[in-house]
PDB file of N, CA and C in Angstrom:
ATOM      1  N   MET A   1      31.203  18.704 -27.440  1.00  0.00           N
ATOM      2  CA  MET A   1      31.013  17.384 -26.927  1.00  0.00           C
ATOM      3  C   MET A   1      30.164  17.547 -25.406  1.00  0.00           C
ATOM      4  N   ILE A   2      29.292  16.836 -25.424  1.00  0.00           N
ATOM      5  CA  ILE A   2      28.309  16.741 -24.204  1.00  0.00           C
ATOM      6  C   ILE A   2      28.885  15.644 -23.193  1.00  0.00           C
ATOM      7  N   GLU A   3      29.099  16.001 -22.152  1.00  0.00           N
ATOM      8  CA  GLU A   3      29.260  15.205 -20.974  1.00  0.00           C
ATOM      9  C   GLU A   3      28.082  14.870 -19.998  1.00  0.00           C
ATOM     10  N   VAL A   4      27.693  13.583 -19.902  1.00  0.00           N
ATOM     11  CA  VAL A   4      26.693  13.347 -18.772  1.00  0.00           C
ATOM     12  C   VAL A   4      27.236  12.603 -17.766  1.00  0.00           C
ATOM     13  N   TYR A   5      26.972  13.092 -16.610  1.00  0.00           N
ATOM     14  CA  TYR A   5      27.618  12.314 -15.204  1.00  0.00           C
ATOM     15  C   TYR A   5      26.592  11.362 -14.839  1.00  0.00           C
ATOM     16  N   ASP A   6      27.153  10.099 -14.748  1.00  0.00           N
ATOM     17  CA  ASP A   6      26.240   9.026 -14.275  1.00  0.00           C
ATOM     18  C   ASP A   6      26.202   8.954 -12.759  1.00  0.00           C
ATOM     19  N   ASN A   7      25.437   9.766 -12.200  1.00  0.00           N
ATOM     20  CA  ASN A   7      25.455   9.802 -10.660  1.00  0.00           C
ATOM     21  C   ASN A   7      23.975   9.981 -10.015  1.00  0.00           C
ATOM     22  N   GLU A   8      23.847   9.852  -8.930  1.00  0.00           N
ATOM     23  CA  GLU A   8      22.356   9.772  -8.281  1.00  0.00           C
ATOM     24  C   GLU A   8      21.584  11.080  -8.642  1.00  0.00           C
ATOM     25  N   ALA A   9      22.338  12.214  -8.567  1.00  0.00           N
ATOM     26  CA  ALA A   9      21.891  13.537  -8.718  1.00  0.00           C
ATOM     27  C   ALA A   9      21.179  13.506 -10.200  1.00  0.00           C
ATOM     28  N   VAL A  10      21.987  13.066 -11.370  1.00  0.00           N
ATOM     29  CA  VAL A  10      21.483  13.111 -12.592  1.00  0.00           C
ATOM     30  C   VAL A  10      20.234  12.214 -12.799  1.00  0.00           C
ATOM     31  N   HIS A  11      20.447  11.041 -12.075  1.00  0.00           N
ATOM     32  CA  HIS A  11      19.243  10.105 -12.200  1.00  0.00           C
ATOM     33  C   HIS A  11      17.895  10.577 -11.675  1.00  0.00           C
ATOM     34  N   GLU A  12      18.249  11.338 -10.493  1.00  0.00           N
ATOM     35  CA  GLU A  12      16.824  12.145  -9.990  1.00  0.00           C
ATOM     36  C   GLU A  12      16.355  13.073 -10.773  1.00  0.00           C
ATOM     37  N   ASP A  13      17.345  13.894 -11.412  1.00  0.00           N
ATOM     38  CA  ASP A  13      16.955  15.113 -12.392  1.00  0.00           C
ATOM     39  C   ASP A  13      16.081  14.448 -13.536  1.00  0.00           C
ATOM     40  N   ILE A  14      16.516  13.362 -13.993  1.00  0.00           N
ATOM     41  CA  ILE A  14      15.935  12.506 -15.191  1.00  0.00           C
ATOM     42  C   ILE A  14      14.711  12.060 -14.763  1.00  0.00           C
ATOM     43  N   ALA A  15      14.475  11.502 -13.706  1.00  0.00           N
ATOM     44  CA  ALA A  15      13.397  10.911 -13.003  1.00  0.00           C
ATOM     45  C   ALA A  15      12.320  11.933 -12.869  1.00  0.00           C
ATOM     46  N   ALA A  16      12.827  13.182 -12.464  1.00  0.00           N
ATOM     47  CA  ALA A  16      11.855  14.296 -12.126  1.00  0.00           C
ATOM     48  C   ALA A  16      11.288  14.819 -13.337  1.00  0.00           C
ATOM     49  N   VAL A  17      11.897  14.767 -14.510  1.00  0.00           N
ATOM     50  CA  VAL A  17      11.350  15.104 -15.639  1.00  0.00           C
ATOM     51  C   VAL A  17      10.196  14.160 -16.242  1.00  0.00           C
ATOM     52  N   VAL A  18      10.747  12.890 -16.198  1.00  0.00           N
ATOM     53  CA  VAL A  18       9.854  11.754 -16.643  1.00  0.00           C
ATOM     54  C   VAL A  18       8.717  11.747 -15.848  1.00  0.00           C
ATOM     55  N   ALA A  19       8.773  11.943 -14.572  1.00  0.00           N
ATOM     56  CA  ALA A  19       7.618  11.813 -13.566  1.00  0.00           C
ATOM     57  C   ALA A  19       6.551  12.823 -13.940  1.00  0.00           C
ATOM     58  N   ARG A  20       6.842  13.948 -14.603  1.00  0.00           N
ATOM     59  CA  ARG A  20       5.782  14.899 -14.878  1.00  0.00           C
ATOM     60  C   ARG A  20       5.030  14.539 -16.230  1.00  0.00           C
ATOM     61  N   GLN A  21       5.357  13.452 -16.752  1.00  0.00           N
ATOM     62  CA  GLN A  21       4.684  13.067 -18.062  1.00  0.00           C
ATOM     63  C   GLN A  21       3.138  12.603 -17.843  1.00  0.00           C
ATOM     64  N   PRO A  22       2.282  12.877 -18.421  1.00  0.00           N
ATOM     65  CA  PRO A  22       1.065  12.507 -18.423  1.00  0.00           C
ATOM     66  C   PRO A  22       0.949  10.878 -18.250  1.00  0.00           C
ATOM     67  N   GLU A  23       1.684  10.174 -19.143  1.00  0.00           N
ATOM     68  CA  GLU A  23       1.408   8.742 -19.207  1.00  0.00           C
ATOM     69  C   GLU A  23       1.769   8.168 -17.739  1.00  0.00           C
ATOM     70  N   PHE A  24       2.777   8.736 -17.003  1.00  0.00           N
ATOM     71  CA  PHE A  24       3.137   8.141 -15.725  1.00  0.00           C
ATOM     72  C   PHE A  24       1.756   8.600 -14.674  1.00  0.00           C
ATOM     73  N   ALA A  25       1.274   9.826 -14.962  1.00  0.00           N
ATOM     74  CA  ALA A  25       0.226   9.951 -14.010  1.00  0.00           C
ATOM     75  C   ALA A  25      -0.939   9.141 -14.136  1.00  0.00           C
ATOM     76  N   ALA A  26      -1.241   8.786 -15.591  1.00  0.00           N
ATOM     77  CA  ALA A  26      -2.247   7.789 -15.935  1.00  0.00           C
ATOM     78  C   ALA A  26      -1.973   6.502 -15.317  1.00  0.00           C
ATOM     79  N   ALA A  27      -0.671   6.065 -15.422  1.00  0.00           N
ATOM     80  CA  ALA A  27      -0.209   4.731 -14.855  1.00  0.00           C
ATOM     81  C   ALA A  27      -0.570   4.769 -13.384  1.00  0.00           C
ATOM     82  N   ALA A  28       0.004   5.781 -12.700  1.00  0.00           N
ATOM     83  CA  ALA A  28      -0.222   5.773 -11.229  1.00  0.00           C
ATOM     84  C   ALA A  28      -1.770   5.830 -11.018  1.00  0.00           C
ATOM     85  N   ALA A  29      -2.611   6.640 -11.576  1.00  0.00           N
ATOM     86  CA  ALA A  29      -3.959   6.642 -11.292  1.00  0.00           C
ATOM     87  C   ALA A  29      -4.583   5.256 -11.482  1.00  0.00           C
ATOM     88  N   LYS A  30      -4.155   4.470 -12.456  1.00  0.00           N
ATOM     89  CA  LYS A  30      -4.747   3.137 -13.049  1.00  0.00           C
ATOM     90  C   LYS A  30      -4.436   2.264 -11.641  1.00  0.00           C
ATOM     91  N   VAL A  31      -3.232   2.218 -11.241  1.00  0.00           N
ATOM     92  CA  VAL A  31      -2.763   1.380 -10.091  1.00  0.00           C
ATOM     93  C   VAL A  31      -3.617   1.766  -8.838  1.00  0.00           C
ATOM     94  N   PHE A  32      -3.751   3.141  -8.710  1.00  0.00           N
ATOM     95  CA  PHE A  32      -4.613   3.625  -7.422  1.00  0.00           C
ATOM     96  C   PHE A  32      -6.051   3.122  -7.503  1.00  0.00           C
ATOM     97  N   ALA A  33      -6.510   3.231  -8.662  1.00  0.00           N
ATOM     98  CA  ALA A  33      -8.001   2.744  -8.947  1.00  0.00           C
ATOM     99  C   ALA A  33      -8.150   1.214  -8.676  1.00  0.00           C
ATOM    100  N   GLU A  34      -7.134   0.498  -9.048  1.00  0.00           N
ATOM    101  CA  GLU A  34      -7.205  -1.078  -8.942  1.00  0.00           C
ATOM    102  C   GLU A  34      -6.970  -1.289  -7.434  1.00  0.00           C
ATOM    103  N   ILE A  35      -6.157  -0.515  -6.694  1.00  0.00           N
ATOM    104  CA  ILE A  35      -5.932  -0.757  -5.247  1.00  0.00           C
ATOM    105  C   ILE A  35      -7.123  -0.577  -4.382  1.00  0.00           C
ATOM    106  N   GLU A  36      -7.874   0.618  -4.869  1.00  0.00           N
ATOM    107  CA  GLU A  36      -9.042   0.948  -4.300  1.00  0.00           C
ATOM    108  C   GLU A  36     -10.115  -0.061  -4.347  1.00  0.00           C
ATOM    109  N   ALA A  37     -10.318  -0.454  -5.631  1.00  0.00           N
ATOM    110  CA  ALA A  37     -11.297  -1.596  -5.944  1.00  0.00           C
ATOM    111  C   ALA A  37     -11.049  -2.911  -5.369  1.00  0.00           C
ATOM    112  N   SER A  38      -9.728  -3.298  -5.270  1.00  0.00           N
ATOM    113  CA  SER A  38      -9.517  -4.500  -4.590  1.00  0.00           C
ATOM    114  C   SER A  38      -9.602  -4.422  -3.076  1.00  0.00           C
ATOM    115  N   ALA A  39      -9.337  -3.374  -2.294  1.00  0.00           N
ATOM    116  CA  ALA A  39      -9.654  -3.047  -1.121  1.00  0.00           C
ATOM    117  C   ALA A  39     -11.135  -3.049  -0.665  1.00  0.00           C
ATOM    118  N   ALA A  40     -11.894  -2.370  -1.674  1.00  0.00           N
ATOM    119  CA  ALA A  40     -13.500  -2.378  -1.368  1.00  0.00           C
ATOM    120  C   ALA A  40     -14.079  -3.719  -1.338  1.00  0.00           C
ATOM    121  N   ALA A  41     -13.499  -4.704  -2.164  1.00  0.00           N
ATOM    122  CA  ALA A  41     -13.961  -6.091  -2.099  1.00  0.00           C
ATOM    123  C   ALA A  41     -13.733  -6.803  -0.835  1.00  0.00           C
ATOM    124  N   HIS A  42     -12.619  -6.350  -0.098  1.00  0.00           N
ATOM    125  CA  HIS A  42     -12.333  -6.962   1.001  1.00  0.00           C
ATOM    126  C   HIS A  42     -12.856  -6.484   2.517  1.00  0.00           C
ATOM    127  N   MET A  43     -13.155  -5.133   2.559  1.00  0.00           N
ATOM    128  CA  MET A  43     -13.556  -4.681   3.609  1.00  0.00           C
ATOM    129  C   MET A  43     -14.881  -4.285   3.829  1.00  0.00           C
ATOM    130  N   GLN A  44     -15.399  -4.412   5.165  1.00  0.00           N
ATOM    131  CA  GLN A  44     -16.756  -4.215   5.547  1.00  0.00           C
ATOM    132  C   GLN A  44     -17.048  -2.558   5.813  1.00  0.00           C
ATOM    133  N   THR A  45     -16.066  -2.081   6.446  1.00  0.00           N
ATOM    134  CA  THR A  45     -16.478  -0.610   6.759  1.00  0.00           C
ATOM    135  C   THR A  45     -16.045   0.400   5.981  1.00  0.00           C
ATOM    136  N   GLY A  46     -15.104   0.165   4.983  1.00  0.00           N
ATOM    137  CA  GLY A  46     -14.732   1.164   4.068  1.00  0.00           C
ATOM    138  C   GLY A  46     -13.566   2.133   4.673  1.00  0.00           C
ATOM    139  N   GLU A  47     -13.310   1.837   5.908  1.00  0.00           N
ATOM    140  CA  GLU A  47     -12.243   2.687   6.503  1.00  0.00           C
ATOM    141  C   GLU A  47     -10.867   2.606   5.767  1.00  0.00           C
ATOM    142  N   GLN A  48     -10.488   1.513   5.307  1.00  0.00           N
ATOM    143  CA  GLN A  48      -9.214   1.279   4.760  1.00  0.00           C
ATOM    144  C   GLN A  48      -9.175   1.873   3.311  1.00  0.00           C
ATOM    145  N   VAL A  49     -10.415   1.718   2.566  1.00  0.00           N
ATOM    146  CA  VAL A  49     -10.485   2.227   1.045  1.00  0.00           C
ATOM    147  C   VAL A  49     -10.466   3.708   1.345  1.00  0.00           C
ATOM    148  N   ALA A  50     -11.001   4.216   2.236  1.00  0.00           N
ATOM    149  CA  ALA A  50     -11.017   5.721   2.247  1.00  0.00           C
ATOM    150  C   ALA A  50      -9.768   6.497   2.783  1.00  0.00           C
ATOM    151  N   SER A  51      -9.001   5.465   3.338  1.00  0.00           N
ATOM    152  CA  SER A  51      -7.765   6.002   3.720  1.00  0.00           C
ATOM    153  C   SER A  51      -6.564   6.042   2.672  1.00  0.00           C
ATOM    154  N   PHE A  52      -6.678   5.439   1.562  1.00  0.00           N
ATOM    155  CA  PHE A  52      -5.648   5.443   0.593  1.00  0.00           C
ATOM    156  C   PHE A  52      -5.661   6.906  -0.155  1.00  0.00           C
ATOM    157  N   SER A  53      -4.373   7.301  -0.345  1.00  0.00           N
ATOM    158  CA  SER A  53      -4.127   8.462  -1.163  1.00  0.00           C
ATOM    159  C   SER A  53      -2.852   8.330  -2.249  1.00  0.00           C
ATOM    160  N   LEU A  54      -3.062   9.098  -3.168  1.00  0.00           N
ATOM    161  CA  LEU A  54      -2.223   9.039  -4.266  1.00  0.00           C
ATOM    162  C   LEU A  54      -1.571  10.402  -4.207  1.00  0.00           C
ATOM    163  N   SER A  55      -0.094  10.478  -4.087  1.00  0.00           N
ATOM    164  CA  SER A  55       0.401  11.913  -4.200  1.00  0.00           C
ATOM    165  C   SER A  55       1.824  11.615  -5.132  1.00  0.00           C
ATOM    166  N   GLN A  56       2.061  12.762  -5.699  1.00  0.00           N
ATOM    167  CA  GLN A  56       3.234  12.948  -6.603  1.00  0.00           C
ATOM    168  C   GLN A  56       4.408  13.470  -5.795  1.00  0.00           C
ATOM    169  N   GLY A  57       5.587  12.737  -5.823  1.00  0.00           N
ATOM    170  CA  GLY A  57       6.738  13.380  -5.158  1.00  0.00           C
ATOM    171  C   GLY A  57       7.646  14.045  -6.240  1.00  0.00           C
ATOM    172  N   LYS A  58       8.764  14.404  -5.822  1.00  0.00           N
ATOM    173  CA  LYS A  58       9.765  14.861  -6.739  1.00  0.00           C
ATOM    174  C   LYS A  58       9.985  14.036  -7.960  1.00  0.00           C
ATOM    175  N   VAL A  59      10.237  12.652  -7.708  1.00  0.00           N
ATOM    176  CA  VAL A  59      10.585  11.624  -8.767  1.00  0.00           C
ATOM    177  C   VAL A  59       9.743  10.566  -9.061  1.00  0.00           C
ATOM    178  N   ASP A  60       8.716  10.477  -8.184  1.00  0.00           N
ATOM    179  CA  ASP A  60       7.880   9.313  -8.244  1.00  0.00           C
ATOM    180  C   ASP A  60       6.457   9.550  -7.775  1.00  0.00           C
ATOM    181  N   TRP A  61       5.565   8.543  -7.695  1.00  0.00           N
ATOM    182  CA  TRP A  61       4.160   8.590  -7.302  1.00  0.00           C
ATOM    183  C   TRP A  61       4.091   7.766  -6.036  1.00  0.00           C
ATOM    184  N   SER A  62       3.307   8.021  -5.205  1.00  0.00           N
ATOM    185  CA  SER A  62       3.122   7.154  -3.865  1.00  0.00           C
ATOM    186  C   SER A  62       1.818   6.942  -3.586  1.00  0.00           C
ATOM    187  N   ILE A  63       1.406   5.683  -3.369  1.00  0.00           N
ATOM    188  CA  ILE A  63       0.147   5.310  -2.887  1.00  0.00           C
ATOM    189  C   ILE A  63       0.271   4.751  -1.598  1.00  0.00           C
ATOM    190  N   ALA A  64      -0.581   5.283  -0.654  1.00  0.00           N
ATOM    191  CA  ALA A  64      -0.289   4.646   0.670  1.00  0.00           C
ATOM    192  C   ALA A  64      -1.718   4.893   1.470  1.00  0.00           C
ATOM    193  N   PRO A  65      -1.942   3.871   2.441  1.00  0.00           N
ATOM    194  CA  PRO A  65      -3.157   3.949   3.295  1.00  0.00           C
ATOM    195  C   PRO A  65      -2.640   4.776   4.470  1.00  0.00           C
ATOM    196  N   SER A  66      -3.498   5.237   5.379  1.00  0.00           N
ATOM    197  CA  SER A  66      -3.206   5.910   6.535  1.00  0.00           C
ATOM    198  C   SER A  66      -4.044   5.607   7.754  1.00  0.00           C
ATOM    199  N   THR A  67      -4.310   4.413   8.001  1.00  0.00           N
ATOM    200  CA  THR A  67      -5.071   3.938   9.113  1.00  0.00           C
ATOM    201  C   THR A  67      -3.801   3.472  10.038  1.00  0.00           C
ATOM    202  N   ASP A  68      -4.350   3.276  11.467  1.00  0.00           N
ATOM    203  CA  ASP A  68      -3.368   2.797  12.484  1.00  0.00           C
ATOM    204  C   ASP A  68      -3.087   1.302  12.220  1.00  0.00           C
ATOM    205  N   HIS A  69      -3.793   0.721  11.580  1.00  0.00           N
ATOM    206  CA  HIS A  69      -3.731  -0.956  11.355  1.00  0.00           C
ATOM    207  C   HIS A  69      -3.435  -1.468   9.897  1.00  0.00           C
ATOM    208  N   ASP A  70      -2.618  -0.435   9.029  1.00  0.00           N
ATOM    209  CA  ASP A  70      -2.434  -0.967   7.701  1.00  0.00           C
ATOM    210  C   ASP A  70      -1.495  -2.083   7.536  1.00  0.00           C
ATOM    211  N   ALA A  71      -0.567  -2.206   8.360  1.00  0.00           N
ATOM    212  CA  ALA A  71       0.275  -3.505   8.008  1.00  0.00           C
ATOM    213  C   ALA A  71      -0.415  -4.718   8.438  1.00  0.00           C
ATOM    214  N   ALA A  72      -1.223  -4.604   9.542  1.00  0.00           N
ATOM    215  CA  ALA A  72      -1.934  -5.735  10.071  1.00  0.00           C
ATOM    216  C   ALA A  72      -2.976  -6.226   9.075  1.00  0.00           C
ATOM    217  N   LEU A  73      -3.546  -5.378   8.342  1.00  0.00           N
ATOM    218  CA  LEU A  73      -4.573  -5.748   7.328  1.00  0.00           C
ATOM    219  C   LEU A  73      -3.880  -6.244   6.145  1.00  0.00           C
ATOM    220  N   GLU A  74      -2.706  -5.636   5.745  1.00  0.00           N
ATOM    221  CA  GLU A  74      -1.995  -6.125   4.495  1.00  0.00           C
ATOM    222  C   GLU A  74      -1.452  -7.494   4.732  1.00  0.00           C
ATOM    223  N   PHE A  75      -0.633  -7.618   5.950  1.00  0.00           N
ATOM    224  CA  PHE A  75       0.123  -8.924   6.054  1.00  0.00           C
ATOM    225  C   PHE A  75      -0.320  -9.898   6.934  1.00  0.00           C
ATOM    226  N   GLY A  76      -1.404  -9.587   7.717  1.00  0.00           N
ATOM    227  CA  GLY A  76      -2.077 -10.425   8.802  1.00  0.00           C
ATOM    228  C   GLY A  76      -1.680 -10.161  10.145  1.00  0.00           C
ATOM    229  N   HIS A  77      -2.536 -10.703  11.044  1.00  0.00           N
ATOM    230  CA  HIS A  77      -2.417 -10.465  12.566  1.00  0.00           C
ATOM    231  C   HIS A  77      -3.198 -11.449  13.333  1.00  0.00           C
ATOM    232  N   TYR A  78      -2.809 -11.461  14.660  1.00  0.00           N
ATOM    233  CA  TYR A  78      -3.503 -12.302  15.409  1.00  0.00           C
ATOM    234  C   TYR A  78      -4.700 -11.620  16.161  1.00  0.00           C
ATOM    235  N   VAL A  79      -5.895 -12.354  16.417  1.00  0.00           N
ATOM    236  CA  VAL A  79      -6.969 -11.933  17.366  1.00  0.00           C
ATOM    237  C   VAL A  79      -6.933 -12.832  18.474  1.00  0.00           C
ATOM    238  N   TYR A  80      -6.877 -12.248  19.457  1.00  0.00           N
ATOM    239  CA  TYR A  80      -6.793 -12.766  20.887  1.00  0.00           C
ATOM    240  C   TYR A  80      -8.081 -12.981  21.462  1.00  0.00           C
ATOM    241  N   GLN A  81      -8.609 -14.118  22.111  1.00  0.00           N
ATOM    242  CA  GLN A  81      -9.678 -14.345  22.703  1.00  0.00           C
ATOM    243  C   GLN A  81      -9.729 -14.876  24.105  1.00  0.00           C
ATOM    244  N   ASP A  82     -10.519 -14.580  24.865  1.00  0.00           N
ATOM    245  CA  ASP A  82     -10.619 -15.041  26.403  1.00  0.00           C
ATOM    246  C   ASP A  82     -11.202 -16.495  26.471  1.00  0.00           C
ATOM    247  N   ALA A  83     -11.441 -16.945  27.616  1.00  0.00           N
ATOM    248  CA  ALA A  83     -11.817 -18.260  27.691  1.00  0.00           C
ATOM    249  C   ALA A  83     -13.168 -18.551  27.130  1.00  0.00           C
ATOM    250  N   GLN A  84     -13.993 -17.682  27.109  1.00  0.00           N
ATOM    251  CA  GLN A  84     -15.392 -17.678  26.492  1.00  0.00           C
ATOM    252  C   GLN A  84     -15.281 -17.381  24.998  1.00  0.00           C
ATOM    253  N   GLY A  85     -14.341 -17.065  24.304  1.00  0.00           N
ATOM    254  CA  GLY A  85     -14.039 -16.850  22.893  1.00  0.00           C
ATOM    255  C   GLY A  85     -14.324 -15.487  22.661  1.00  0.00           C
ATOM    256  N   ARG A  86     -14.462 -14.479  23.403  1.00  0.00           N
ATOM    257  CA  ARG A  86     -14.770 -13.018  23.211  1.00  0.00           C
ATOM    258  C   ARG A  86     -13.371 -12.415  22.940  1.00  0.00           C
ATOM    259  N   ARG A  87     -13.282 -11.551  21.997  1.00  0.00           N
ATOM    260  CA  ARG A  87     -12.050 -10.770  21.820  1.00  0.00           C
ATOM    261  C   ARG A  87     -11.579 -10.153  23.046  1.00  0.00           C
ATOM    262  N   SER A  88     -10.155 -10.447  23.101  1.00  0.00           N
ATOM    263  CA  SER A  88      -9.642  -9.662  24.377  1.00  0.00           C
ATOM    264  C   SER A  88      -8.176  -9.000  23.950  1.00  0.00           C
ATOM    265  N   GLY A  89      -7.538  -8.465  24.739  1.00  0.00           N
ATOM    266  CA  GLY A  89      -6.307  -8.044  24.687  1.00  0.00           C
ATOM    267  C   GLY A  89      -5.279  -9.181  24.674  1.00  0.00           C
ATOM    268  N   ARG A  90      -3.991  -8.993  24.377  1.00  0.00           N
ATOM    269  CA  ARG A  90      -3.001 -10.060  24.495  1.00  0.00           C
ATOM    270  C   ARG A  90      -2.804 -10.643  25.781  1.00  0.00           C
ATOM    271  N   GLU A  91      -2.856  -9.522  26.885  1.00  0.00           N
ATOM    272  CA  GLU A  91      -2.684 -10.002  28.341  1.00  0.00           C
ATOM    273  C   GLU A  91      -4.145 -10.667  28.767  1.00  0.00           C
ATOM    274  N   GLY A  92      -4.024 -11.902  29.195  1.00  0.00           N
ATOM    275  CA  GLY A  92      -5.173 -12.631  29.599  1.00  0.00           C
ATOM    276  C   GLY A  92      -5.964 -13.481  28.617  1.00  0.00           C
ATOM    277  N   ALA A  93      -5.395 -13.434  27.308  1.00  0.00           N
ATOM    278  CA  ALA A  93      -5.984 -14.155  26.316  1.00  0.00           C
ATOM    279  C   ALA A  93      -5.721 -15.618  26.603  1.00  0.00           C
ATOM    280  N   ARG A  94      -6.685 -16.457  26.186  1.00  0.00           N
ATOM    281  CA  ARG A  94      -6.597 -17.815  26.318  1.00  0.00           C
ATOM    282  C   ARG A  94      -6.159 -18.606  24.995  1.00  0.00           C
ATOM    283  N   TYR A  95      -6.792 -17.992  23.814  1.00  0.00           N
ATOM    284  CA  TYR A  95      -6.571 -18.380  22.558  1.00  0.00           C
ATOM    285  C   TYR A  95      -6.096 -17.167  21.810  1.00  0.00           C
ATOM    286  N   ARG A  96      -5.544 -17.558  20.577  1.00  0.00           N
ATOM    287  CA  ARG A  96      -5.164 -16.725  19.510  1.00  0.00           C
ATOM    288  C   ARG A  96      -5.646 -17.175  18.126  1.00  0.00           C
ATOM    289  N   THR A  97      -6.057 -16.487  17.118  1.00  0.00           N
ATOM    290  CA  THR A  97      -6.294 -17.056  15.967  1.00  0.00           C
ATOM    291  C   THR A  97      -5.578 -16.076  14.901  1.00  0.00           C
ATOM    292  N   TRP A  98      -4.940 -16.726  13.845  1.00  0.00           N
ATOM    293  CA  TRP A  98      -4.335 -15.998  13.005  1.00  0.00           C
ATOM    294  C   TRP A  98      -5.239 -15.365  11.831  1.00  0.00           C
ATOM    295  N   VAL A  99      -5.236 -14.210  11.483  1.00  0.00           N
ATOM    296  CA  VAL A  99      -6.118 -13.702  10.560  1.00  0.00           C
ATOM    297  C   VAL A  99      -5.229 -13.308   9.336  1.00  0.00           C
ATOM    298  N   HIS A 100      -5.594 -13.902   8.150  1.00  0.00           N
ATOM    299  CA  HIS A 100      -4.579 -13.740   6.945  1.00  0.00           C
ATOM    300  C   HIS A 100      -4.754 -12.374   6.600  1.00  0.00           C
ATOM    301  N   GLY A 101      -3.674 -11.868   6.076  1.00  0.00           N
ATOM    302  CA  GLY A 101      -3.579 -10.450   5.299  1.00  0.00           C
ATOM    303  C   GLY A 101      -4.322 -10.617   3.929  1.00  0.00           C
ATOM    304  N   THR A 102      -4.715  -9.270   3.682  1.00  0.00           N
ATOM    305  CA  THR A 102      -5.339  -9.286   2.365  1.00  0.00           C
ATOM    306  C   THR A 102      -4.504  -9.021   1.322  1.00  0.00           C
ATOM    307  N   TYR A 103      -3.304  -8.554   1.391  1.00  0.00           N
ATOM    308  CA  TYR A 103      -2.189  -8.463   0.385  1.00  0.00           C
ATOM    309  C   TYR A 103      -2.838  -7.523  -0.852  1.00  0.00           C
ATOM    310  N   ILE A 104      -3.460  -6.734  -0.398  1.00  0.00           N
ATOM    311  CA  ILE A 104      -4.072  -5.772  -1.549  1.00  0.00           C
ATOM    312  C   ILE A 104      -3.125  -4.993  -2.237  1.00  0.00           C
ATOM    313  N   MET A 105      -2.233  -4.372  -1.656  1.00  0.00           N
ATOM    314  CA  MET A 105      -1.303  -3.452  -2.392  1.00  0.00           C
ATOM    315  C   MET A 105      -0.179  -4.395  -2.968  1.00  0.00           C
ATOM    316  N   ARG A 106       0.277  -5.410  -2.223  1.00  0.00           N
ATOM    317  CA  ARG A 106       1.389  -6.229  -2.840  1.00  0.00           C
ATOM    318  C   ARG A 106       0.785  -6.889  -3.992  1.00  0.00           C
ATOM    319  N   SER A 107      -0.453  -7.576  -4.210  1.00  0.00           N
ATOM    320  CA  SER A 107      -1.009  -8.184  -5.227  1.00  0.00           C
ATOM    321  C   SER A 107      -1.068  -7.310  -6.596  1.00  0.00           C
ATOM    322  N   VAL A 108      -1.605  -6.150  -6.288  1.00  0.00           N
ATOM    323  CA  VAL A 108      -1.883  -5.199  -7.566  1.00  0.00           C
ATOM    324  C   VAL A 108      -0.555  -4.712  -7.956  1.00  0.00           C
ATOM    325  N   VAL A 109       0.483  -4.251  -7.143  1.00  0.00           N
ATOM    326  CA  VAL A 109       1.784  -3.817  -7.478  1.00  0.00           C
ATOM    327  C   VAL A 109       2.383  -4.971  -8.163  1.00  0.00           C
ATOM    328  N   SER A 110       2.406  -6.289  -7.852  1.00  0.00           N
ATOM    329  CA  SER A 110       2.932  -7.322  -8.234  1.00  0.00           C
ATOM    330  C   SER A 110       2.493  -7.525  -9.763  1.00  0.00           C
ATOM    331  N   ALA A 111       1.059  -7.438  -9.883  1.00  0.00           N
ATOM    332  CA  ALA A 111       0.502  -7.521 -11.147  1.00  0.00           C
ATOM    333  C   ALA A 111       0.945  -6.464 -12.205  1.00  0.00           C
ATOM    334  N   HIS A 112       1.449  -5.389 -11.723  1.00  0.00           N
ATOM    335  CA  HIS A 112       1.965  -4.349 -12.579  1.00  0.00           C
ATOM    336  C   HIS A 112       3.584  -4.610 -12.830  1.00  0.00           C
ATOM    337  N   GLY A 113       4.101  -5.567 -12.375  1.00  0.00           N
ATOM    338  CA  GLY A 113       5.640  -5.696 -12.477  1.00  0.00           C
ATOM    339  C   GLY A 113       6.429  -5.364 -11.421  1.00  0.00           C
ATOM    340  N   GLY A 114       5.757  -4.871 -10.285  1.00  0.00           N
ATOM    341  CA  GLY A 114       6.565  -4.475  -8.928  1.00  0.00           C
ATOM    342  C   GLY A 114       6.917  -5.701  -8.195  1.00  0.00           C
ATOM    343  N   PHE A 115       7.800  -5.601  -7.315  1.00  0.00           N
ATOM    344  CA  PHE A 115       8.288  -6.506  -6.231  1.00  0.00           C
ATOM    345  C   PHE A 115       9.086  -7.443  -6.988  1.00  0.00           C
TER     346      PHE A 115
END
């Protein structure tokens, strides 16, 4: 008789075997390509597009940008202006304008059944 323990370690072992399958690598590469294409359509400098990376962990694939302002680009942020309308820091700003996020990663992942 075979006994299988239903615990986290067993789940991770199974996921580690499945994650090495070519179908999962292809699915991760497809999502990665869609994220890069979506980012390229939104960005002027290409900095964020170039910062995305795809890596395989023990049990899953990870796609992540690596700039200092990823969260601000994805979810939105304020731009601060002085009295003349020039960009300034938060201190001494007279106005602030909300810049909507691009939601690049959330929209692509959502289109593939995530979130």
